[in-house]
């Protein structure tokens, strides 16, 4: 499916605000890919489609994941909103005709990250956090600079901020986030 068709379809599946966010992630991911030597087109597609399942009502996400044979963790059972990443990879394949495993993996892991991420996975994880439409987040200016100078340090910075936020908000944290943090912290 070409980009124009992807845009047309995506625009009907997510809110206007989410669509603008997706365009911002696409743009940011492409810029980061140029700087870090990744495939720009893959970064654009993964950035554009990373939230393509976000518009599915939360109560339906668990049902759709199970129906499509997607592995669901205990955390995701309690927090089905987090399934939008895995469902997004599934939808990218079956609704947007994307068959590149690197793109699909980047979409699937964009919320929590994962240990030993590929370059594209790191780019989408970071681009989702720093894209231009994001409301100001603690240390965002510094994180945006790191995104273009030291990608591993940037990933760790985002994870550190995410964990700190989750600890102060008393929200439960996905184990994948902690595993990802531990991995990148050990590289520091």
N, C-alpha and C. Protein backbone atom coordinates (compact mmCIF):
# COMPACT_ATOMS: atom_id res chain seq x y z
N UNK A 1 0.86 -1.18 0.00
CA UNK A 1 0.00 0.00 0.00
C UNK A 1 0.90 1.24 0.00
N UNK A 2 0.59 2.18 -0.85
CA UNK A 2 1.43 3.39 -0.89
C UNK A 2 1.05 4.34 0.25
N UNK A 3 1.88 5.34 0.47
CA UNK A 3 1.70 6.25 1.60
C UNK A 3 0.36 6.98 1.54
N UNK A 4 -0.05 7.42 0.36
CA UNK A 4 -1.33 8.13 0.24
C UNK A 4 -2.50 7.27 0.72
N UNK A 5 -2.48 6.00 0.33
CA UNK A 5 -3.55 5.10 0.78
C UNK A 5 -3.46 4.84 2.28
N UNK A 6 -2.22 4.73 2.78
CA UNK A 6 -2.05 4.57 4.23
C UNK A 6 -2.61 5.77 4.97
N UNK A 7 -2.31 6.96 4.47
CA UNK A 7 -2.81 8.19 5.10
C UNK A 7 -4.33 8.23 5.09
N UNK A 8 -4.92 7.92 3.95
CA UNK A 8 -6.39 7.94 3.84
C UNK A 8 -7.02 6.97 4.84
N UNK A 9 -6.48 5.77 4.91
CA UNK A 9 -7.04 4.77 5.82
C UNK A 9 -6.83 5.18 7.28
N UNK A 10 -5.60 5.59 7.60
CA UNK A 10 -5.28 5.96 8.98
C UNK A 10 -6.17 7.10 9.47
N UNK A 11 -6.41 8.05 8.61
CA UNK A 11 -7.22 9.23 8.98
C UNK A 11 -8.64 8.84 9.40
N UNK A 12 -9.14 7.71 8.88
CA UNK A 12 -10.49 7.27 9.24
C UNK A 12 -10.48 6.36 10.48
N UNK A 13 -9.31 5.96 10.94
CA UNK A 13 -9.22 4.99 12.04
C UNK A 13 -8.78 5.58 13.37
N UNK A 14 -8.22 6.78 13.35
CA UNK A 14 -7.77 7.41 14.60
C UNK A 14 -8.32 8.83 14.68
N UNK A 15 -8.25 9.39 15.87
CA UNK A 15 -8.73 10.77 16.07
C UNK A 15 -7.83 11.75 15.31
N UNK A 16 -8.32 12.96 15.10
CA UNK A 16 -7.53 13.98 14.41
C UNK A 16 -6.23 14.26 15.17
N UNK A 17 -6.32 14.31 16.49
CA UNK A 17 -5.13 14.55 17.32
C UNK A 17 -4.12 13.41 17.18
N UNK A 18 -4.61 12.18 17.16
CA UNK A 18 -3.73 11.00 17.00
C UNK A 18 -3.12 10.98 15.60
N UNK A 19 -3.89 11.40 14.61
CA UNK A 19 -3.38 11.46 13.24
C UNK A 19 -2.23 12.46 13.16
N UNK A 20 -2.41 13.63 13.76
CA UNK A 20 -1.34 14.65 13.78
C UNK A 20 -0.11 14.12 14.51
N UNK A 21 -0.33 13.42 15.61
CA UNK A 21 0.78 12.80 16.35
C UNK A 21 1.51 11.80 15.44
N UNK A 22 0.78 10.99 14.72
CA UNK A 22 1.38 9.99 13.83
C UNK A 22 2.22 10.66 12.74
N UNK A 23 1.73 11.76 12.19
CA UNK A 23 2.51 12.51 11.20
C UNK A 23 3.79 13.06 11.83
N UNK A 24 3.68 13.52 13.08
CA UNK A 24 4.85 14.02 13.79
C UNK A 24 5.88 12.94 14.04
N UNK A 25 5.42 11.74 14.39
CA UNK A 25 6.34 10.62 14.62
C UNK A 25 6.98 10.20 13.30
N UNK A 26 6.19 10.18 12.22
CA UNK A 26 6.74 9.84 10.91
C UNK A 26 7.87 10.80 10.54
N UNK A 27 7.63 12.09 10.70
CA UNK A 27 8.62 13.11 10.36
C UNK A 27 9.86 12.98 11.24
N UNK A 28 9.67 12.84 12.54
CA UNK A 28 10.78 12.75 13.47
C UNK A 28 11.60 11.49 13.22
N UNK A 29 10.91 10.38 12.98
CA UNK A 29 11.60 9.11 12.72
C UNK A 29 12.43 9.21 11.44
N UNK A 30 11.90 9.86 10.41
CA UNK A 30 12.65 10.02 9.16
C UNK A 30 13.90 10.86 9.41
N UNK A 31 13.77 11.94 10.15
CA UNK A 31 14.93 12.79 10.47
C UNK A 31 15.98 12.00 11.25
N UNK A 32 15.52 11.26 12.25
CA UNK A 32 16.45 10.47 13.05
C UNK A 32 17.12 9.39 12.20
N UNK A 33 16.38 8.78 11.29
CA UNK A 33 16.94 7.76 10.42
C UNK A 33 18.06 8.34 9.55
N UNK A 34 17.86 9.55 9.05
CA UNK A 34 18.90 10.19 8.25
C UNK A 34 20.17 10.40 9.07
N UNK A 35 20.01 10.85 10.29
CA UNK A 35 21.16 11.13 11.15
C UNK A 35 21.89 9.85 11.56
N UNK A 36 21.14 8.81 11.86
CA UNK A 36 21.73 7.59 12.42
C UNK A 36 22.00 6.50 11.38
N UNK A 37 21.69 6.77 10.12
CA UNK A 37 22.01 5.81 9.06
C UNK A 37 21.03 4.65 8.95
N UNK A 38 19.81 4.87 9.36
CA UNK A 38 18.77 3.83 9.21
C UNK A 38 18.02 4.06 7.90
N UNK A 39 17.21 3.10 7.53
CA UNK A 39 16.40 3.20 6.32
C UNK A 39 15.28 4.21 6.55
N UNK A 40 15.34 5.31 5.82
CA UNK A 40 14.39 6.42 6.01
C UNK A 40 12.96 5.99 5.71
N UNK A 41 12.77 5.23 4.65
CA UNK A 41 11.41 4.81 4.27
C UNK A 41 10.80 3.89 5.32
N UNK A 42 11.60 2.97 5.84
CA UNK A 42 11.10 2.09 6.90
C UNK A 42 10.75 2.92 8.14
N UNK A 43 11.57 3.88 8.46
CA UNK A 43 11.30 4.74 9.62
C UNK A 43 10.00 5.52 9.42
N UNK A 44 9.80 6.03 8.21
CA UNK A 44 8.57 6.78 7.92
C UNK A 44 7.34 5.90 8.10
N UNK A 45 7.37 4.70 7.52
CA UNK A 45 6.21 3.81 7.59
C UNK A 45 5.94 3.41 9.04
N UNK A 46 6.98 3.00 9.76
CA UNK A 46 6.79 2.60 11.16
C UNK A 46 6.29 3.78 11.99
N UNK A 47 6.83 4.96 11.75
CA UNK A 47 6.38 6.15 12.48
C UNK A 47 4.93 6.49 12.19
N UNK A 48 4.56 6.43 10.94
CA UNK A 48 3.19 6.75 10.55
C UNK A 48 2.19 5.76 11.15
N UNK A 49 2.54 4.48 11.14
CA UNK A 49 1.58 3.44 11.54
C UNK A 49 1.71 2.98 12.99
N UNK A 50 2.63 3.56 13.75
CA UNK A 50 2.89 3.02 15.10
C UNK A 50 1.65 3.00 15.98
N UNK A 51 0.73 3.92 15.80
CA UNK A 51 -0.49 3.98 16.60
C UNK A 51 -1.74 3.63 15.80
N UNK A 52 -1.59 2.87 14.73
CA UNK A 52 -2.75 2.61 13.85
C UNK A 52 -3.87 1.84 14.55
N UNK A 53 -3.57 1.18 15.66
CA UNK A 53 -4.61 0.46 16.41
C UNK A 53 -5.06 1.23 17.65
N UNK A 54 -4.57 2.42 17.82
CA UNK A 54 -4.90 3.22 19.01
C UNK A 54 -6.39 3.58 19.05
N UNK A 55 -7.02 3.69 17.90
CA UNK A 55 -8.43 4.07 17.85
C UNK A 55 -9.40 2.96 18.21
N UNK A 56 -8.91 1.75 18.38
CA UNK A 56 -9.78 0.65 18.79
C UNK A 56 -10.20 0.90 20.23
N UNK A 57 -11.48 0.83 20.54
CA UNK A 57 -11.91 1.05 21.93
C UNK A 57 -11.16 0.10 22.88
N UNK A 58 -10.75 0.61 24.01
CA UNK A 58 -9.95 -0.16 24.97
C UNK A 58 -10.57 -1.50 25.29
N UNK A 59 -11.88 -1.52 25.50
CA UNK A 59 -12.54 -2.78 25.89
C UNK A 59 -12.48 -3.83 24.78
N UNK A 60 -12.24 -3.41 23.52
CA UNK A 60 -12.16 -4.35 22.41
C UNK A 60 -10.73 -4.84 22.14
N UNK A 61 -9.74 -4.14 22.67
CA UNK A 61 -8.35 -4.49 22.36
C UNK A 61 -7.99 -5.90 22.80
N UNK A 62 -8.38 -6.27 24.01
CA UNK A 62 -8.07 -7.60 24.54
C UNK A 62 -8.73 -8.68 23.68
N UNK A 63 -9.98 -8.47 23.36
CA UNK A 63 -10.74 -9.42 22.53
C UNK A 63 -10.09 -9.57 21.14
N UNK A 64 -9.71 -8.46 20.52
CA UNK A 64 -9.10 -8.51 19.19
C UNK A 64 -7.73 -9.17 19.24
N UNK A 65 -6.98 -8.91 20.31
CA UNK A 65 -5.66 -9.55 20.44
C UNK A 65 -5.81 -11.06 20.53
N UNK A 66 -6.70 -11.51 21.38
CA UNK A 66 -6.90 -12.96 21.54
C UNK A 66 -7.41 -13.59 20.24
N UNK A 67 -8.37 -12.91 19.61
CA UNK A 67 -8.95 -13.42 18.36
C UNK A 67 -7.88 -13.60 17.28
N UNK A 68 -6.86 -12.73 17.31
CA UNK A 68 -5.82 -12.76 16.28
C UNK A 68 -4.55 -13.49 16.73
N UNK A 69 -4.64 -14.22 17.85
CA UNK A 69 -3.51 -15.03 18.30
C UNK A 69 -2.32 -14.25 18.80
N UNK A 70 -2.56 -13.04 19.29
CA UNK A 70 -1.48 -12.20 19.81
C UNK A 70 -1.28 -12.53 21.29
N UNK A 71 -0.04 -12.81 21.67
CA UNK A 71 0.28 -13.11 23.06
C UNK A 71 -0.03 -11.91 23.94
N UNK A 72 -0.74 -12.14 25.04
CA UNK A 72 -1.13 -11.08 25.97
C UNK A 72 -0.52 -11.39 27.33
N UNK A 73 0.24 -10.42 27.86
CA UNK A 73 0.84 -10.60 29.19
C UNK A 73 -0.21 -10.31 30.27
N UNK A 74 0.11 -10.67 31.50
CA UNK A 74 -0.79 -10.37 32.62
C UNK A 74 -0.99 -8.87 32.75
N UNK A 75 0.08 -8.12 32.55
CA UNK A 75 -0.02 -6.66 32.61
C UNK A 75 -0.99 -6.14 31.55
N UNK A 76 -0.88 -6.66 30.34
CA UNK A 76 -1.76 -6.22 29.25
C UNK A 76 -3.21 -6.64 29.49
N UNK A 77 -3.42 -7.76 30.15
CA UNK A 77 -4.79 -8.16 30.51
C UNK A 77 -5.42 -7.11 31.40
N UNK A 78 -4.64 -6.61 32.36
CA UNK A 78 -5.14 -5.58 33.28
C UNK A 78 -5.14 -4.19 32.66
N UNK A 79 -4.30 -3.98 31.64
CA UNK A 79 -4.15 -2.68 30.99
C UNK A 79 -4.22 -2.85 29.47
N UNK A 80 -5.41 -3.20 28.96
CA UNK A 80 -5.52 -3.53 27.53
C UNK A 80 -5.17 -2.37 26.59
N UNK A 81 -5.15 -1.15 27.08
CA UNK A 81 -4.75 -0.02 26.25
C UNK A 81 -3.33 -0.23 25.70
N UNK A 82 -2.49 -0.90 26.49
CA UNK A 82 -1.11 -1.15 26.07
C UNK A 82 -1.01 -2.11 24.88
N UNK A 83 -2.08 -2.81 24.59
CA UNK A 83 -2.08 -3.74 23.46
C UNK A 83 -2.07 -3.03 22.11
N UNK A 84 -2.23 -1.71 22.10
CA UNK A 84 -2.28 -1.02 20.81
C UNK A 84 -1.00 -1.19 20.01
N UNK A 85 0.13 -1.42 20.68
CA UNK A 85 1.39 -1.60 19.95
C UNK A 85 1.40 -2.94 19.22
N UNK A 86 1.10 -4.01 19.94
CA UNK A 86 1.07 -5.34 19.30
C UNK A 86 -0.04 -5.41 18.25
N UNK A 87 -1.20 -4.87 18.58
CA UNK A 87 -2.29 -4.85 17.60
C UNK A 87 -1.91 -3.98 16.41
N UNK A 88 -1.18 -2.90 16.67
CA UNK A 88 -0.73 -2.03 15.58
C UNK A 88 0.14 -2.77 14.59
N UNK A 89 1.04 -3.61 15.09
CA UNK A 89 1.89 -4.41 14.20
C UNK A 89 1.03 -5.37 13.38
N UNK A 90 0.06 -5.99 14.04
CA UNK A 90 -0.85 -6.90 13.35
C UNK A 90 -1.64 -6.16 12.27
N UNK A 91 -2.19 -5.00 12.62
CA UNK A 91 -2.97 -4.22 11.67
C UNK A 91 -2.11 -3.69 10.53
N UNK A 92 -0.87 -3.29 10.86
CA UNK A 92 0.03 -2.81 9.80
C UNK A 92 0.22 -3.90 8.75
N UNK A 93 0.34 -5.14 9.22
CA UNK A 93 0.53 -6.26 8.29
C UNK A 93 -0.75 -6.54 7.49
N UNK A 94 -1.88 -6.65 8.18
CA UNK A 94 -3.09 -7.14 7.52
C UNK A 94 -4.02 -6.06 6.98
N UNK A 95 -3.90 -4.83 7.47
CA UNK A 95 -4.78 -3.76 6.99
C UNK A 95 -4.03 -2.74 6.13
N UNK A 96 -2.69 -2.66 6.31
CA UNK A 96 -1.89 -1.68 5.57
C UNK A 96 -0.86 -2.35 4.66
N UNK A 97 -0.89 -3.67 4.61
CA UNK A 97 -0.06 -4.44 3.69
C UNK A 97 1.44 -4.23 3.90
N UNK A 98 1.86 -4.12 5.16
CA UNK A 98 3.27 -3.99 5.50
C UNK A 98 3.76 -5.38 5.92
N UNK A 99 4.78 -5.88 5.23
CA UNK A 99 5.28 -7.23 5.54
C UNK A 99 6.74 -7.24 5.97
N UNK A 100 7.31 -6.08 6.15
CA UNK A 100 8.70 -5.98 6.59
C UNK A 100 8.75 -6.19 8.10
N UNK A 101 9.40 -7.27 8.51
CA UNK A 101 9.43 -7.63 9.94
C UNK A 101 10.10 -6.55 10.80
N UNK A 102 11.07 -5.86 10.24
CA UNK A 102 11.75 -4.80 11.00
C UNK A 102 10.77 -3.68 11.34
N UNK A 103 9.94 -3.31 10.39
CA UNK A 103 8.93 -2.27 10.62
C UNK A 103 7.91 -2.78 11.64
N UNK A 104 7.43 -4.00 11.45
CA UNK A 104 6.41 -4.55 12.35
C UNK A 104 6.95 -4.68 13.78
N UNK A 105 8.19 -5.09 13.93
CA UNK A 105 8.79 -5.19 15.27
C UNK A 105 8.92 -3.81 15.93
N UNK A 106 9.26 -2.80 15.13
CA UNK A 106 9.38 -1.44 15.68
C UNK A 106 8.03 -0.93 16.17
N UNK A 107 6.98 -1.24 15.44
CA UNK A 107 5.63 -0.85 15.86
C UNK A 107 5.25 -1.60 17.14
N UNK A 108 5.50 -2.90 17.16
CA UNK A 108 5.10 -3.74 18.30
C UNK A 108 5.78 -3.36 19.60
N UNK A 109 6.98 -2.81 19.53
CA UNK A 109 7.73 -2.52 20.77
C UNK A 109 7.83 -1.04 21.09
N UNK A 110 7.05 -0.20 20.42
CA UNK A 110 7.26 1.24 20.58
C UNK A 110 6.81 1.80 21.93
N UNK A 111 5.99 1.11 22.68
CA UNK A 111 5.52 1.68 23.95
C UNK A 111 6.46 1.39 25.11
N UNK A 112 6.92 0.17 25.22
CA UNK A 112 7.78 -0.21 26.36
C UNK A 112 9.24 -0.33 25.98
N UNK A 113 9.51 -0.41 24.69
CA UNK A 113 10.86 -0.75 24.26
C UNK A 113 11.11 -2.21 24.58
N UNK A 114 12.33 -2.65 24.36
CA UNK A 114 12.73 -4.01 24.70
C UNK A 114 14.24 -4.05 24.76
N UNK A 115 14.80 -5.01 25.47
CA UNK A 115 16.26 -5.12 25.49
C UNK A 115 16.80 -5.36 24.08
N UNK A 116 17.99 -4.83 23.81
CA UNK A 116 18.69 -5.05 22.53
C UNK A 116 17.85 -4.64 21.33
N UNK A 117 17.23 -3.48 21.39
CA UNK A 117 16.44 -3.00 20.27
C UNK A 117 17.32 -2.77 19.05
N UNK A 118 16.73 -2.98 17.88
CA UNK A 118 17.40 -2.63 16.63
C UNK A 118 17.43 -1.10 16.52
N UNK A 119 18.19 -0.61 15.58
CA UNK A 119 18.24 0.83 15.35
C UNK A 119 16.85 1.38 15.04
N UNK A 120 16.10 0.71 14.18
CA UNK A 120 14.76 1.19 13.84
C UNK A 120 13.84 1.16 15.06
N UNK A 121 13.91 0.13 15.86
CA UNK A 121 13.08 0.05 17.07
C UNK A 121 13.38 1.22 18.01
N UNK A 122 14.65 1.53 18.18
CA UNK A 122 15.02 2.66 19.04
C UNK A 122 14.50 3.97 18.46
N UNK A 123 14.62 4.12 17.16
CA UNK A 123 14.16 5.36 16.52
C UNK A 123 12.66 5.55 16.73
N UNK A 124 11.86 4.52 16.55
CA UNK A 124 10.41 4.67 16.72
C UNK A 124 10.06 4.89 18.19
N UNK A 125 10.72 4.18 19.09
CA UNK A 125 10.50 4.37 20.52
C UNK A 125 10.77 5.83 20.91
N UNK A 126 11.87 6.38 20.44
CA UNK A 126 12.24 7.75 20.77
C UNK A 126 11.37 8.76 20.03
N UNK A 127 11.15 8.55 18.74
CA UNK A 127 10.36 9.51 17.94
C UNK A 127 8.95 9.68 18.51
N UNK A 128 8.37 8.60 19.02
CA UNK A 128 7.05 8.68 19.64
C UNK A 128 7.06 9.61 20.85
N UNK A 129 8.16 9.65 21.55
CA UNK A 129 8.29 10.46 22.77
C UNK A 129 8.60 11.92 22.48
N UNK A 130 9.35 12.18 21.40
CA UNK A 130 9.87 13.54 21.19
C UNK A 130 9.23 14.31 20.05
N UNK A 131 8.32 13.70 19.31
CA UNK A 131 7.79 14.37 18.11
C UNK A 131 7.28 15.77 18.43
N UNK A 132 7.28 16.67 17.42
CA UNK A 132 7.01 18.10 17.67
C UNK A 132 5.67 18.43 18.30
N UNK A 133 4.67 17.58 18.14
CA UNK A 133 3.34 17.87 18.69
C UNK A 133 3.20 17.49 20.16
N UNK A 134 4.21 16.87 20.74
CA UNK A 134 4.16 16.44 22.14
C UNK A 134 4.03 17.64 23.06
N UNK A 135 3.18 17.49 24.06
CA UNK A 135 3.13 18.54 25.07
C UNK A 135 4.45 18.46 25.85
N UNK A 136 4.86 19.59 26.41
CA UNK A 136 6.15 19.60 27.11
C UNK A 136 6.21 18.55 28.23
N UNK A 137 7.28 17.80 28.22
CA UNK A 137 7.56 16.76 29.22
C UNK A 137 8.87 17.14 29.88
N UNK A 138 9.05 16.72 31.10
CA UNK A 138 10.28 17.00 31.84
C UNK A 138 11.51 16.65 31.00
N UNK A 139 12.43 17.59 30.88
CA UNK A 139 13.72 17.41 30.20
C UNK A 139 13.59 17.12 28.70
N UNK A 140 12.48 17.51 28.10
CA UNK A 140 12.24 17.19 26.69
C UNK A 140 13.29 17.81 25.77
N UNK A 141 13.70 19.03 26.02
CA UNK A 141 14.71 19.67 25.16
C UNK A 141 16.01 18.86 25.16
N UNK A 142 16.44 18.44 26.32
CA UNK A 142 17.66 17.65 26.44
C UNK A 142 17.50 16.29 25.74
N UNK A 143 16.35 15.67 25.94
CA UNK A 143 16.09 14.37 25.32
C UNK A 143 16.07 14.51 23.79
N UNK A 144 15.50 15.58 23.29
CA UNK A 144 15.47 15.79 21.83
C UNK A 144 16.89 15.93 21.28
N UNK A 145 17.75 16.61 21.98
CA UNK A 145 19.15 16.72 21.53
C UNK A 145 19.82 15.35 21.55
N UNK A 146 19.63 14.60 22.61
CA UNK A 146 20.22 13.26 22.71
C UNK A 146 19.75 12.34 21.58
N UNK A 147 18.51 12.54 21.14
CA UNK A 147 17.95 11.68 20.08
C UNK A 147 18.79 11.74 18.81
N UNK A 148 19.48 12.84 18.62
CA UNK A 148 20.28 13.02 17.42
C UNK A 148 21.78 12.88 17.66
N UNK A 149 22.17 12.71 18.92
CA UNK A 149 23.61 12.63 19.23
C UNK A 149 24.01 11.32 19.90
N UNK A 150 23.15 10.77 20.77
CA UNK A 150 23.48 9.53 21.48
C UNK A 150 22.18 8.77 21.74
N UNK A 151 21.84 7.91 20.80
CA UNK A 151 20.54 7.24 20.83
C UNK A 151 20.36 6.35 22.06
N UNK A 152 21.39 5.59 22.44
CA UNK A 152 21.27 4.73 23.62
C UNK A 152 21.07 5.56 24.89
N UNK A 153 21.79 6.66 25.02
CA UNK A 153 21.60 7.54 26.18
C UNK A 153 20.20 8.13 26.18
N UNK A 154 19.69 8.44 25.00
CA UNK A 154 18.34 8.98 24.87
C UNK A 154 17.30 7.95 25.30
N UNK A 155 17.46 6.71 24.84
CA UNK A 155 16.53 5.64 25.23
C UNK A 155 16.53 5.49 26.75
N UNK A 156 17.70 5.46 27.34
CA UNK A 156 17.81 5.32 28.80
C UNK A 156 17.18 6.51 29.52
N UNK A 157 17.38 7.71 29.01
CA UNK A 157 16.80 8.91 29.60
C UNK A 157 15.27 8.84 29.58
N UNK A 158 14.71 8.43 28.46
CA UNK A 158 13.26 8.29 28.35
C UNK A 158 12.75 7.24 29.34
N UNK A 159 13.42 6.10 29.39
CA UNK A 159 13.00 5.04 30.31
C UNK A 159 13.11 5.49 31.76
N UNK A 160 14.17 6.20 32.10
CA UNK A 160 14.34 6.71 33.47
C UNK A 160 13.18 7.66 33.82
N UNK A 161 12.85 8.54 32.90
CA UNK A 161 11.74 9.48 33.15
C UNK A 161 10.40 8.75 33.24
N UNK A 162 10.21 7.75 32.38
CA UNK A 162 8.96 6.99 32.39
C UNK A 162 8.78 6.25 33.71
N UNK A 163 9.85 5.61 34.18
CA UNK A 163 9.78 4.87 35.43
C UNK A 163 9.54 5.82 36.60
N UNK A 164 10.22 6.95 36.60
CA UNK A 164 10.02 7.95 37.67
C UNK A 164 8.57 8.44 37.68
N UNK A 165 8.02 8.70 36.50
CA UNK A 165 6.63 9.14 36.41
C UNK A 165 5.69 8.06 36.94
N UNK A 166 5.90 6.82 36.52
CA UNK A 166 5.01 5.73 36.95
C UNK A 166 5.10 5.51 38.45
N UNK A 167 6.27 5.69 39.03
CA UNK A 167 6.42 5.52 40.47
C UNK A 167 5.70 6.61 41.25
N UNK A 168 5.72 7.84 40.74
CA UNK A 168 5.03 8.93 41.44
C UNK A 168 3.53 8.90 41.21
N UNK A 169 3.10 8.33 40.07
CA UNK A 169 1.66 8.30 39.78
C UNK A 169 0.98 7.07 40.37
N UNK A 170 1.77 6.15 40.88
CA UNK A 170 1.27 4.90 41.47
C UNK A 170 0.62 3.99 40.44
N UNK A 171 0.87 4.27 39.15
CA UNK A 171 0.38 3.38 38.10
C UNK A 171 1.29 2.16 38.05
N UNK A 172 0.72 1.04 37.67
CA UNK A 172 1.50 -0.18 37.53
C UNK A 172 2.40 -0.06 36.30
N UNK A 173 3.58 -0.66 36.38
CA UNK A 173 4.52 -0.60 35.27
C UNK A 173 4.61 -1.96 34.59
N UNK A 174 4.64 -1.94 33.27
CA UNK A 174 4.84 -3.16 32.50
C UNK A 174 6.25 -3.67 32.76
N UNK A 175 6.38 -4.95 33.00
CA UNK A 175 7.68 -5.55 33.26
C UNK A 175 8.65 -5.31 32.10
N UNK A 176 8.13 -5.23 30.88
CA UNK A 176 8.98 -4.98 29.70
C UNK A 176 9.71 -3.65 29.82
N UNK A 177 9.07 -2.66 30.40
CA UNK A 177 9.72 -1.36 30.58
C UNK A 177 10.91 -1.49 31.53
N UNK A 178 10.71 -2.21 32.63
CA UNK A 178 11.80 -2.40 33.59
C UNK A 178 12.94 -3.21 32.96
N UNK A 179 12.61 -4.26 32.22
CA UNK A 179 13.65 -5.07 31.57
C UNK A 179 14.45 -4.22 30.56
N UNK A 180 13.75 -3.38 29.84
CA UNK A 180 14.41 -2.52 28.86
C UNK A 180 15.32 -1.53 29.57
N UNK A 181 14.83 -0.93 30.64
CA UNK A 181 15.65 0.00 31.42
C UNK A 181 16.89 -0.70 31.95
N UNK A 182 16.72 -1.87 32.54
CA UNK A 182 17.85 -2.61 33.11
C UNK A 182 18.91 -2.90 32.03
N UNK A 183 18.45 -3.29 30.86
CA UNK A 183 19.37 -3.59 29.77
C UNK A 183 20.20 -2.37 29.39
N UNK A 184 19.52 -1.22 29.16
CA UNK A 184 20.23 -0.02 28.72
C UNK A 184 21.04 0.62 29.85
N UNK A 185 20.60 0.45 31.07
CA UNK A 185 21.36 0.94 32.21
C UNK A 185 22.70 0.19 32.31
N UNK A 186 22.68 -1.10 32.04
CA UNK A 186 23.90 -1.91 32.10
C UNK A 186 24.90 -1.51 31.01
N UNK A 187 24.43 -0.89 29.93
CA UNK A 187 25.31 -0.44 28.85
C UNK A 187 25.95 0.90 29.17
N UNK A 188 25.42 1.61 30.12
CA UNK A 188 25.86 2.97 30.44
C UNK A 188 27.31 3.01 30.88
